N, C-alpha and C. Protein backbone atom coordinates (compact mmCIF):
# COMPACT_ATOMS: atom_id res chain seq x y z
N MET A 1 4.96 -60.19 2.09
CA MET A 1 5.24 -60.59 2.96
C MET A 1 4.02 -60.24 4.07
N SER A 2 3.32 -60.92 4.54
CA SER A 2 2.43 -60.52 5.51
C SER A 2 2.81 -60.12 6.86
N VAL A 3 1.80 -59.59 7.55
CA VAL A 3 2.16 -59.24 9.50
C VAL A 3 1.55 -60.27 9.85
N SER A 4 2.26 -60.16 11.20
CA SER A 4 2.01 -61.38 12.08
C SER A 4 1.09 -60.67 13.14
N MET A 5 0.28 -61.56 14.14
CA MET A 5 -0.54 -60.84 15.12
C MET A 5 0.72 -60.56 16.24
N TYR A 6 1.48 -61.20 16.20
CA TYR A 6 3.06 -60.76 17.38
C TYR A 6 2.87 -59.02 16.91
N GLN A 7 3.58 -58.92 15.59
CA GLN A 7 3.68 -57.25 14.95
C GLN A 7 2.67 -56.59 15.09
N ILE A 8 1.23 -57.06 14.89
CA ILE A 8 0.38 -56.02 15.06
C ILE A 8 -0.24 -55.68 16.67
N SER A 9 0.31 -56.38 17.11
CA SER A 9 -0.16 -56.00 18.86
C SER A 9 0.91 -55.74 19.71
N VAL A 10 2.04 -56.96 19.72
CA VAL A 10 2.92 -56.44 21.07
C VAL A 10 4.03 -55.22 20.55
N PRO A 11 4.58 -55.33 19.83
CA PRO A 11 5.28 -54.00 19.26
C PRO A 11 4.40 -52.65 19.38
N PRO A 12 3.57 -52.25 18.86
CA PRO A 12 2.57 -50.98 19.12
C PRO A 12 2.49 -50.52 20.57
N LEU A 13 2.07 -51.93 21.12
CA LEU A 13 1.59 -51.45 22.63
C LEU A 13 3.13 -51.47 23.47
N LEU A 14 4.09 -51.69 23.09
CA LEU A 14 5.27 -51.77 23.70
C LEU A 14 5.61 -50.07 23.63
N ARG A 15 5.80 -49.76 22.01
CA ARG A 15 5.65 -48.00 21.82
C ARG A 15 4.80 -47.46 22.57
N GLY A 16 3.54 -47.39 22.28
CA GLY A 16 2.54 -46.84 23.17
C GLY A 16 2.81 -46.18 24.81
N LEU A 17 3.20 -47.41 25.31
CA LEU A 17 3.57 -47.88 26.43
C LEU A 17 4.88 -46.77 27.19
N GLY A 18 5.92 -46.48 26.15
CA GLY A 18 6.77 -45.93 26.10
C GLY A 18 6.75 -44.74 25.84
N VAL A 19 5.58 -44.10 24.91
CA VAL A 19 5.51 -42.41 24.67
C VAL A 19 4.58 -42.26 26.29
N LEU A 20 3.84 -42.80 26.59
CA LEU A 20 2.87 -42.92 27.62
C LEU A 20 3.81 -42.56 29.08
N SER A 21 4.58 -43.34 29.40
CA SER A 21 5.71 -43.07 30.35
C SER A 21 6.49 -41.65 30.25
N ALA A 22 6.79 -41.23 28.97
CA ALA A 22 7.64 -39.96 28.67
C ALA A 22 6.50 -38.92 28.79
N LEU A 23 5.09 -38.99 28.54
CA LEU A 23 4.23 -37.97 28.47
C LEU A 23 3.96 -37.79 30.30
N LEU A 24 4.11 -39.03 30.78
CA LEU A 24 4.46 -38.86 32.42
C LEU A 24 5.26 -37.92 33.06
N ARG A 25 6.58 -38.50 32.38
CA ARG A 25 7.46 -37.74 32.91
C ARG A 25 7.75 -36.42 32.63
N LYS A 26 6.76 -35.70 31.80
CA LYS A 26 6.47 -34.14 31.35
C LYS A 26 5.49 -33.87 32.54
N GLY A 27 4.91 -34.67 32.60
CA GLY A 27 3.72 -33.99 33.90
C GLY A 27 4.01 -34.02 34.96
N GLU A 28 5.02 -34.67 35.47
CA GLU A 28 5.27 -34.95 36.68
C GLU A 28 6.28 -33.55 37.05
N ALA A 29 7.05 -33.30 36.11
CA ALA A 29 8.02 -32.36 35.82
C ALA A 29 7.39 -30.73 36.46
N HIS A 30 6.26 -30.93 35.78
CA HIS A 30 5.10 -29.69 35.89
C HIS A 30 5.04 -28.98 37.14
N ALA A 31 4.71 -27.54 37.29
CA ALA A 31 4.82 -26.80 38.58
C ALA A 31 3.43 -27.43 39.40
N ASP A 32 2.45 -27.94 38.38
CA ASP A 32 1.15 -28.21 39.19
C ASP A 32 0.45 -29.87 39.19
N ALA A 33 1.94 -30.59 39.21
CA ALA A 33 1.86 -31.82 38.90
C ALA A 33 0.99 -32.87 40.08
N THR A 34 0.48 -32.78 41.24
CA THR A 34 0.11 -33.31 42.02
C THR A 34 -1.52 -33.26 41.73
N SER A 35 -2.18 -31.77 41.05
CA SER A 35 -3.42 -31.92 40.67
C SER A 35 -3.49 -32.76 39.49
N MET A 36 -2.63 -33.04 38.93
CA MET A 36 -2.72 -33.96 37.37
C MET A 36 -3.30 -35.58 37.70
N LEU A 37 -2.65 -35.71 38.53
CA LEU A 37 -3.04 -37.47 38.88
C LEU A 37 -4.71 -37.59 39.01
N GLU A 38 -5.52 -36.49 39.63
CA GLU A 38 -7.11 -36.69 39.69
C GLU A 38 -7.90 -36.08 38.53
N ALA A 39 -6.60 -35.18 37.80
CA ALA A 39 -7.72 -34.24 36.81
C ALA A 39 -8.40 -35.23 35.58
N ARG A 40 -9.41 -34.98 35.10
CA ARG A 40 -9.82 -35.60 34.43
C ARG A 40 -10.55 -34.65 33.25
N LEU A 41 -10.79 -35.00 31.86
CA LEU A 41 -11.23 -33.94 30.62
C LEU A 41 -13.05 -33.44 30.79
N ALA A 42 -13.36 -34.66 31.42
CA ALA A 42 -15.21 -34.50 31.69
C ALA A 42 -15.51 -35.13 33.04
N PRO A 43 -16.35 -34.63 34.00
CA PRO A 43 -17.00 -35.31 35.55
C PRO A 43 -17.07 -36.91 34.96
N ASP A 44 -17.63 -37.51 33.81
CA ASP A 44 -18.10 -38.98 33.76
C ASP A 44 -16.59 -39.54 32.93
N MET A 45 -15.45 -39.10 32.63
CA MET A 45 -14.40 -39.54 32.24
C MET A 45 -13.61 -40.00 33.38
N MET A 46 -12.40 -41.26 33.29
CA MET A 46 -11.61 -41.39 34.25
C MET A 46 -10.59 -40.16 34.32
N THR A 47 -9.80 -40.44 35.42
CA THR A 47 -8.85 -39.31 35.78
C THR A 47 -7.82 -39.83 35.10
N LEU A 48 -6.48 -38.99 35.28
CA LEU A 48 -5.22 -39.34 34.42
C LEU A 48 -4.80 -40.61 35.34
N VAL A 49 -4.97 -41.17 36.34
CA VAL A 49 -4.33 -42.52 36.90
C VAL A 49 -5.13 -43.24 36.42
N GLY A 50 -6.70 -43.24 36.08
CA GLY A 50 -7.61 -44.33 35.46
C GLY A 50 -7.20 -44.68 33.96
N GLN A 51 -6.70 -43.57 33.45
CA GLN A 51 -6.17 -43.81 31.96
C GLN A 51 -5.13 -44.59 31.89
N VAL A 52 -4.04 -44.26 32.71
CA VAL A 52 -3.00 -45.01 32.69
C VAL A 52 -3.23 -46.19 32.78
N GLN A 53 -3.87 -46.57 34.09
CA GLN A 53 -4.46 -48.15 34.62
C GLN A 53 -5.19 -48.86 33.41
N ARG A 54 -6.14 -48.11 32.55
CA ARG A 54 -6.85 -48.98 31.57
C ARG A 54 -5.51 -49.02 30.19
N ALA A 55 -4.94 -48.37 29.94
CA ALA A 55 -4.02 -48.59 28.67
C ALA A 55 -3.01 -49.53 29.39
N SER A 56 -2.65 -49.92 30.75
CA SER A 56 -2.10 -51.04 30.86
C SER A 56 -2.48 -52.25 31.00
N ASP A 57 -4.05 -52.16 31.29
CA ASP A 57 -4.72 -53.53 31.63
C ASP A 57 -4.64 -53.90 29.89
N THR A 58 -5.38 -53.19 28.91
CA THR A 58 -5.56 -53.34 28.06
C THR A 58 -4.45 -53.93 27.00
N ALA A 59 -3.20 -53.34 27.21
CA ALA A 59 -1.86 -54.04 26.81
C ALA A 59 -1.77 -55.09 27.43
N LYS A 60 -1.76 -55.47 28.64
CA LYS A 60 -1.53 -57.07 29.49
C LYS A 60 -2.40 -57.80 28.86
N GLY A 61 -3.69 -57.42 29.15
CA GLY A 61 -4.78 -58.07 28.58
C GLY A 61 -4.75 -58.80 27.15
N CYS A 62 -4.14 -58.27 26.21
CA CYS A 62 -4.26 -58.64 25.01
C CYS A 62 -3.12 -59.72 24.74
N ALA A 63 -2.11 -59.43 25.33
CA ALA A 63 -0.79 -60.30 25.14
C ALA A 63 -1.05 -61.43 25.77
N ALA A 64 -1.70 -61.53 26.79
CA ALA A 64 -2.48 -62.56 27.72
C ALA A 64 -3.44 -63.43 26.82
N ARG A 65 -4.51 -62.68 26.35
CA ARG A 65 -5.51 -63.51 25.97
C ARG A 65 -5.08 -64.17 24.39
N LEU A 66 -4.17 -63.87 23.63
CA LEU A 66 -3.64 -64.08 22.75
C LEU A 66 -2.59 -64.96 22.67
N ALA A 67 -1.89 -64.94 23.74
CA ALA A 67 -0.81 -66.13 24.36
C ALA A 67 -1.66 -67.36 25.06
N GLY A 68 -2.47 -67.37 25.63
CA GLY A 68 -3.60 -68.21 26.31
C GLY A 68 -2.85 -68.12 27.82
N LEU A 69 -2.50 -66.90 28.23
CA LEU A 69 -1.73 -67.24 29.78
C LEU A 69 -2.61 -65.71 30.56
N ASP A 70 -2.74 -66.07 31.94
CA ASP A 70 -3.46 -64.94 32.61
C ASP A 70 -2.24 -63.84 32.93
N ALA A 71 -2.64 -62.78 32.58
CA ALA A 71 -2.24 -61.55 32.76
C ALA A 71 -1.91 -61.38 33.87
N PRO A 72 -1.03 -60.73 34.55
CA PRO A 72 -0.47 -60.00 35.68
C PRO A 72 -1.35 -59.13 36.48
N ALA A 73 -1.77 -59.85 37.74
CA ALA A 73 -2.67 -58.98 38.69
C ALA A 73 -1.94 -57.51 39.07
N MET A 74 -2.50 -56.82 38.31
CA MET A 74 -2.05 -55.44 38.99
C MET A 74 -3.38 -54.56 39.78
N PRO A 75 -3.26 -54.74 40.98
CA PRO A 75 -4.54 -53.84 41.43
C PRO A 75 -4.58 -51.94 41.19
N ASP A 76 -5.42 -51.67 40.71
CA ASP A 76 -5.79 -50.13 40.73
C ASP A 76 -5.23 -49.40 42.14
N THR A 77 -4.20 -49.25 42.36
CA THR A 77 -3.82 -48.60 43.90
C THR A 77 -3.02 -47.32 43.33
N GLU A 78 -2.44 -47.04 42.62
CA GLU A 78 -1.63 -46.17 42.11
C GLU A 78 -1.91 -44.61 42.28
N ALA A 79 -0.88 -44.00 43.19
CA ALA A 79 -1.54 -43.07 43.77
C ALA A 79 -0.70 -41.86 43.83
N SER A 80 0.93 -42.09 42.65
CA SER A 80 1.68 -41.31 42.48
C SER A 80 2.24 -41.39 40.78
N PHE A 81 2.92 -40.44 40.52
CA PHE A 81 3.64 -41.23 39.18
C PHE A 81 4.83 -41.63 39.30
N ALA A 82 4.72 -42.01 40.24
CA ALA A 82 5.96 -43.32 40.38
C ALA A 82 5.39 -44.41 40.48
N ASP A 83 4.29 -44.15 41.27
CA ASP A 83 3.51 -45.77 40.78
C ASP A 83 2.92 -46.21 39.45
N LEU A 84 2.93 -44.85 38.84
CA LEU A 84 2.11 -45.29 37.55
C LEU A 84 3.15 -45.69 36.49
N GLN A 85 4.84 -45.27 36.91
CA GLN A 85 5.78 -45.72 35.81
C GLN A 85 6.02 -46.97 36.37
N SER A 86 5.92 -47.21 37.85
CA SER A 86 5.90 -48.13 37.52
C SER A 86 5.22 -49.84 37.32
N ARG A 87 3.84 -49.20 37.23
CA ARG A 87 2.73 -50.07 36.68
C ARG A 87 3.04 -50.10 35.17
N ILE A 88 3.74 -49.22 34.74
CA ILE A 88 3.77 -48.82 33.29
C ILE A 88 5.11 -50.16 32.68
N SER A 89 6.04 -49.70 33.83
CA SER A 89 7.70 -50.80 33.75
C SER A 89 7.15 -52.57 33.86
N ARG A 90 6.11 -52.48 34.93
CA ARG A 90 5.51 -54.16 34.93
C ARG A 90 4.95 -54.39 33.71
N THR A 91 4.12 -53.62 32.99
CA THR A 91 3.31 -54.39 31.64
C THR A 91 4.42 -54.25 30.80
N VAL A 92 5.09 -53.32 30.99
CA VAL A 92 6.33 -53.63 29.64
C VAL A 92 7.04 -54.96 29.87
N ASP A 93 7.39 -55.01 31.19
CA ASP A 93 8.15 -56.54 31.50
C ASP A 93 7.28 -57.39 31.08
N PHE A 94 5.88 -57.43 31.00
CA PHE A 94 5.13 -58.61 30.57
C PHE A 94 5.03 -58.51 29.27
N LEU A 95 5.17 -57.97 28.58
CA LEU A 95 4.69 -58.02 27.13
C LEU A 95 5.87 -58.64 26.73
N GLN A 96 7.35 -57.65 26.99
CA GLN A 96 8.49 -58.51 26.71
C GLN A 96 9.00 -59.83 26.80
N SER A 97 8.24 -60.56 27.65
CA SER A 97 8.28 -62.17 28.26
C SER A 97 7.18 -62.97 27.12
N ILE A 98 6.50 -62.02 26.45
CA ILE A 98 6.00 -63.27 25.43
C ILE A 98 6.86 -63.26 24.30
N LYS A 99 6.66 -64.45 23.58
CA LYS A 99 7.60 -64.52 22.73
C LYS A 99 6.22 -64.90 21.16
N ARG A 100 7.21 -64.26 20.44
CA ARG A 100 6.48 -64.48 19.38
C ARG A 100 5.40 -65.59 18.70
N GLU A 101 6.47 -66.75 19.21
CA GLU A 101 5.42 -67.95 18.95
C GLU A 101 4.27 -68.26 19.84
N GLN A 102 4.20 -67.17 20.86
CA GLN A 102 3.12 -67.62 21.80
C GLN A 102 2.09 -66.81 21.18
N ILE A 103 2.17 -66.04 19.89
CA ILE A 103 0.96 -65.33 19.62
C ILE A 103 0.79 -65.37 18.27
N ASP A 104 1.80 -65.69 17.23
CA ASP A 104 1.35 -65.87 15.69
C ASP A 104 0.51 -66.95 15.85
N GLY A 105 -0.41 -66.77 14.66
CA GLY A 105 -1.09 -67.92 14.34
C GLY A 105 -2.86 -67.61 15.46
N SER A 106 -2.90 -66.78 15.99
CA SER A 106 -3.83 -66.60 16.62
C SER A 106 -5.12 -65.88 16.22
N GLU A 107 -4.88 -65.81 14.95
CA GLU A 107 -5.62 -64.72 14.35
C GLU A 107 -7.20 -65.30 14.18
N ALA A 108 -7.15 -66.71 13.99
CA ALA A 108 -8.83 -66.97 14.17
C ALA A 108 -9.27 -67.65 15.86
N LYS A 109 -8.03 -67.72 16.58
CA LYS A 109 -8.18 -67.91 18.05
C LYS A 109 -9.89 -67.29 18.48
N PRO A 110 -10.77 -68.18 19.25
CA PRO A 110 -11.66 -67.20 19.87
C PRO A 110 -10.77 -66.83 21.19
N ILE A 111 -11.87 -65.30 21.17
CA ILE A 111 -11.35 -64.45 22.32
C ILE A 111 -12.48 -63.98 23.01
N SER A 112 -12.90 -64.48 23.96
CA SER A 112 -14.25 -63.73 24.39
C SER A 112 -13.92 -63.45 26.18
N PHE A 113 -14.71 -62.57 26.56
CA PHE A 113 -14.49 -61.66 27.78
C PHE A 113 -15.91 -61.06 28.21
N LYS A 114 -16.01 -60.45 29.56
CA LYS A 114 -16.88 -59.56 29.77
C LYS A 114 -16.16 -58.45 30.63
N ALA A 115 -17.26 -57.27 29.37
CA ALA A 115 -16.83 -56.16 30.23
C ALA A 115 -18.10 -55.56 30.71
N GLY A 116 -18.31 -55.20 31.77
CA GLY A 116 -19.44 -54.54 32.39
C GLY A 116 -20.41 -55.66 31.79
N GLN A 117 -21.43 -54.82 31.68
CA GLN A 117 -22.81 -56.04 31.63
C GLN A 117 -22.51 -57.12 30.14
N SER A 118 -22.10 -56.66 29.50
CA SER A 118 -21.60 -57.43 27.96
C SER A 118 -20.82 -59.00 28.06
N MET A 119 -20.82 -59.13 27.00
CA MET A 119 -19.86 -60.26 26.60
C MET A 119 -19.24 -59.92 25.43
N LEU A 120 -17.94 -60.11 25.40
CA LEU A 120 -17.70 -59.17 24.23
C LEU A 120 -16.98 -61.07 23.71
N ASN A 121 -17.27 -61.07 22.08
CA ASN A 121 -16.37 -62.10 21.48
C ASN A 121 -16.04 -61.76 20.45
N PHE A 122 -15.00 -62.53 19.81
CA PHE A 122 -14.04 -61.81 18.81
C PHE A 122 -12.97 -63.07 18.23
N THR A 123 -12.65 -62.97 17.17
CA THR A 123 -11.17 -63.72 16.69
C THR A 123 -10.23 -62.79 17.18
N GLY A 124 -8.92 -63.56 17.08
CA GLY A 124 -7.88 -63.16 17.66
C GLY A 124 -7.38 -61.67 17.18
N GLU A 125 -7.74 -61.67 15.62
CA GLU A 125 -7.48 -60.66 14.85
C GLU A 125 -8.23 -59.48 14.85
N SER A 126 -10.09 -59.33 15.02
CA SER A 126 -10.64 -58.74 15.41
C SER A 126 -10.64 -58.00 16.51
N TYR A 127 -10.14 -58.98 17.45
CA TYR A 127 -9.87 -58.37 19.10
C TYR A 127 -8.65 -57.50 19.12
N VAL A 128 -7.84 -57.62 18.17
CA VAL A 128 -6.46 -56.83 18.19
C VAL A 128 -7.04 -55.22 17.82
N LEU A 129 -7.49 -55.74 16.10
CA LEU A 129 -7.60 -54.69 15.01
C LEU A 129 -9.27 -53.44 15.71
N THR A 130 -10.07 -54.28 16.30
CA THR A 130 -11.21 -53.41 16.35
C THR A 130 -11.66 -52.82 17.86
N PHE A 131 -10.92 -53.69 18.75
CA PHE A 131 -10.90 -53.52 20.30
C PHE A 131 -9.83 -53.00 20.92
N VAL A 132 -8.49 -53.93 21.13
CA VAL A 132 -7.65 -53.56 21.44
C VAL A 132 -6.86 -52.22 21.06
N LEU A 133 -6.33 -52.30 19.90
CA LEU A 133 -5.59 -51.01 19.63
C LEU A 133 -6.63 -49.57 19.64
N PRO A 134 -7.71 -49.71 19.01
CA PRO A 134 -8.57 -48.55 19.38
C PRO A 134 -8.69 -48.09 20.75
N ASN A 135 -8.95 -48.96 21.79
CA ASN A 135 -9.16 -49.15 22.99
C ASN A 135 -7.86 -48.22 23.92
N PHE A 136 -6.68 -48.70 23.45
CA PHE A 136 -5.65 -48.54 24.18
C PHE A 136 -5.07 -46.82 23.79
N TYR A 137 -5.38 -46.75 22.57
CA TYR A 137 -4.70 -45.51 21.87
C TYR A 137 -5.84 -44.61 22.88
N PHE A 138 -7.17 -44.95 22.73
CA PHE A 138 -7.78 -43.96 23.10
C PHE A 138 -7.29 -43.75 24.89
N HIS A 139 -7.27 -44.42 25.39
CA HIS A 139 -6.57 -44.04 26.78
C HIS A 139 -5.27 -43.34 26.80
N VAL A 140 -4.66 -43.77 26.02
CA VAL A 140 -3.07 -43.11 26.02
C VAL A 140 -3.59 -41.48 25.11
N THR A 141 -4.24 -41.20 24.65
CA THR A 141 -4.91 -40.12 24.18
C THR A 141 -5.45 -39.35 25.16
N ALA A 142 -6.42 -39.98 26.11
CA ALA A 142 -7.17 -39.11 27.16
C ALA A 142 -5.60 -38.54 27.99
N ALA A 143 -5.07 -39.78 28.28
CA ALA A 143 -4.00 -39.02 29.41
C ALA A 143 -3.25 -37.95 28.53
N TYR A 144 -2.79 -37.96 27.43
CA TYR A 144 -2.06 -36.90 26.72
C TYR A 144 -3.03 -35.80 26.67
N ALA A 145 -4.50 -35.59 26.51
CA ALA A 145 -5.30 -34.38 26.85
C ALA A 145 -5.38 -34.10 27.74
N ILE A 146 -5.53 -34.89 29.15
CA ILE A 146 -5.60 -34.22 30.28
C ILE A 146 -4.34 -33.37 31.21
N LEU A 147 -2.78 -34.19 30.31
CA LEU A 147 -1.75 -33.15 30.68
C LEU A 147 -1.60 -32.04 30.12
N ARG A 148 -2.25 -32.14 28.77
CA ARG A 148 -2.13 -31.14 28.10
C ARG A 148 -2.90 -29.78 28.64
N HIS A 149 -4.23 -30.39 28.86
CA HIS A 149 -5.31 -29.36 29.62
C HIS A 149 -4.74 -29.00 30.75
N LYS A 150 -3.88 -29.43 31.38
CA LYS A 150 -3.57 -29.09 32.98
C LYS A 150 -2.32 -28.08 32.75
N GLY A 151 -1.85 -27.87 31.45
CA GLY A 151 -0.29 -26.83 30.77
C GLY A 151 0.59 -27.48 30.85
N VAL A 152 0.70 -28.74 30.65
CA VAL A 152 1.98 -29.28 30.49
C VAL A 152 2.11 -29.36 29.01
N PRO A 153 3.39 -28.89 28.48
CA PRO A 153 3.80 -28.49 27.38
C PRO A 153 4.12 -29.36 26.43
N LEU A 154 2.80 -29.89 25.92
CA LEU A 154 3.44 -31.17 25.30
C LEU A 154 3.03 -30.63 23.68
N SER A 155 3.33 -31.54 22.46
CA SER A 155 3.00 -31.23 21.20
C SER A 155 2.78 -32.63 20.75
N LYS A 156 2.35 -32.78 19.15
CA LYS A 156 1.81 -33.59 19.01
C LYS A 156 2.88 -34.99 18.50
N LEU A 157 4.18 -33.96 18.33
CA LEU A 157 5.59 -35.03 17.94
C LEU A 157 6.20 -35.55 19.94
N ASP A 158 5.27 -35.42 20.68
CA ASP A 158 5.05 -36.31 21.74
C ASP A 158 4.45 -37.31 22.02
N TYR A 159 2.83 -36.81 21.89
CA TYR A 159 2.26 -38.10 21.64
C TYR A 159 2.94 -39.21 20.04
N LEU A 160 3.41 -38.76 19.61
CA LEU A 160 4.10 -39.60 18.13
C LEU A 160 5.26 -40.48 18.93
N GLY A 161 5.93 -39.81 19.69
CA GLY A 161 7.18 -40.54 20.49
C GLY A 161 8.38 -40.84 19.30
N PRO A 162 9.26 -41.18 19.74
CA PRO A 162 10.66 -41.25 18.87
C PRO A 162 10.35 -42.51 18.01
N ARG A 163 11.12 -42.28 17.23
CA ARG A 163 10.57 -43.20 15.80
C ARG A 163 11.75 -44.21 16.02
């Protein structure tokens, strides 16, 4: 049995967004929660807010590009844990609105977009496997690391999430 484009994209992104939401709930419950939103691992890295925004953008961009749709606009205005949870929820709602038939069969679909000064070109399959998933998990991992660095009691099992 082969794995479909839908299976390798939407379910892992939904699961990762669920994990990210749970990590943020633990961060918000921490005594030093307000300082975490603008925390970063290094001066040239994004803040916790930025990491969540990019994870959201990567997930919704993936589904939209593969399905041939416009991704919902989400201006980067989040300033609280509640705002971040709302963004994750809106991203999840969008992903859940995508039907398997809209994505399956997109393995060879040309995917091109501009990132900074570079034009990136992929097939649907290479887009998911070499760009989307690594990029998405980078931002989820960075959010985990920021929270952990700020003293939130997280473990590897928090990152892996429920089965």
